[in-house]
Amino acid sequence: MDDRAGPWVEIADRVFTRRYRFNDQEIGVVLGDGEALVVDTRLSERQGREILDDLQEITRAPVTIVRAVMRRP
């Protein structure tokens, strides 16, 4: 089953979000001049790599900044 719940959505100029079904996660991306910032990397290396693969839909820029987000109960 595809974990993606929808496409990348541009919510502001060069700011995108995408929802993933697993844990109802929402990932953010900010595109800069030739680089990208990712907000949240999900829960595993495999899921992080999935984000990198999915980013190819909107940019070829390298991810140079990552902001990991952890929600605690």
Protein backbone atom coordinates (compact mmCIF):
# COMPACT_ATOMS: atom_id res chain seq x y z
CA MET A 1 0.00 0.00 0.00
CA ASP A 2 1.23 3.46 -0.91
CA ASP A 3 1.91 5.46 2.26
CA ARG A 4 1.38 8.81 0.55
CA ALA A 5 -1.98 10.41 1.32
CA GLY A 6 -1.69 13.08 -1.32
CA PRO A 7 0.58 15.18 -3.52
CA TRP A 8 2.99 17.90 -2.51
CA VAL A 9 0.92 21.05 -1.89
CA GLU A 10 2.46 24.51 -2.14
CA ILE A 11 1.14 26.41 0.89
CA ALA A 12 3.34 29.52 0.44
CA ASP A 13 5.95 30.62 -2.05
CA ARG A 14 8.40 27.66 -2.29
CA VAL A 15 6.95 26.07 0.88
CA PHE A 16 5.41 22.63 0.42
CA THR A 17 3.73 20.01 2.55
CA ARG A 18 2.79 16.38 1.99
CA ARG A 19 0.81 14.04 4.18
CA TYR A 20 1.73 10.41 4.77
CA ARG A 21 -0.76 7.86 6.12
CA PHE A 22 1.61 6.20 8.60
CA ASN A 23 1.05 8.01 11.92
CA ASP A 24 -0.81 10.68 9.93
CA GLN A 25 2.49 12.51 9.38
CA GLU A 26 2.77 15.84 7.61
CA ILE A 27 6.18 16.72 6.18
CA GLY A 28 7.27 20.22 5.23
CA VAL A 29 9.82 21.41 2.68
CA VAL A 30 11.19 24.90 2.08
CA LEU A 31 13.01 25.41 -1.20
CA GLY A 32 15.89 27.87 -1.24
CA ASP A 33 18.30 28.92 -3.96
CA GLY A 34 19.69 25.54 -4.98
CA GLU A 35 18.97 23.79 -1.68
CA ALA A 36 16.09 22.45 0.37
CA LEU A 37 15.13 22.35 4.04
CA VAL A 38 13.06 19.37 5.22
CA VAL A 39 10.89 19.70 8.32
CA ASP A 40 10.45 16.25 9.88
CA THR A 41 12.07 13.09 8.53
CA ARG A 42 9.43 10.60 9.68
CA LEU A 43 10.36 7.63 11.89
CA SER A 44 12.92 5.49 10.08
CA GLU A 45 15.76 5.64 7.61
CA ARG A 46 13.53 3.97 5.00
CA GLN A 47 10.85 6.62 5.47
CA GLY A 48 13.46 9.38 5.32
CA ARG A 49 14.74 8.00 2.03
CA GLU A 50 11.16 7.88 0.76
CA ILE A 51 10.94 11.63 1.40
CA LEU A 52 14.15 12.19 -0.57
CA ASP A 53 12.73 10.16 -3.45
CA ASP A 54 9.41 11.99 -3.29
CA LEU A 55 11.15 15.37 -3.34
CA GLN A 56 12.25 14.62 -6.90
CA GLU A 57 8.67 15.50 -7.90
CA ILE A 58 9.22 19.16 -6.96
CA THR A 59 12.99 19.78 -6.93
CA ARG A 60 16.39 18.35 -7.78
CA ALA A 61 18.05 20.58 -5.18
CA PRO A 62 19.98 18.80 -2.43
CA VAL A 63 18.60 18.73 1.10
CA THR A 64 21.12 20.73 3.10
CA ILE A 65 19.10 21.39 6.26
CA VAL A 66 16.89 19.01 8.22
CA ARG A 67 14.68 19.90 11.16
CA ALA A 68 13.71 16.70 12.96
CA VAL A 69 10.46 16.90 14.89
CA MET A 70 9.54 14.50 17.67
CA ARG A 71 6.14 14.54 19.27
CA ARG A 72 5.98 13.10 22.74
CA PRO A 73 2.78 11.98 24.48
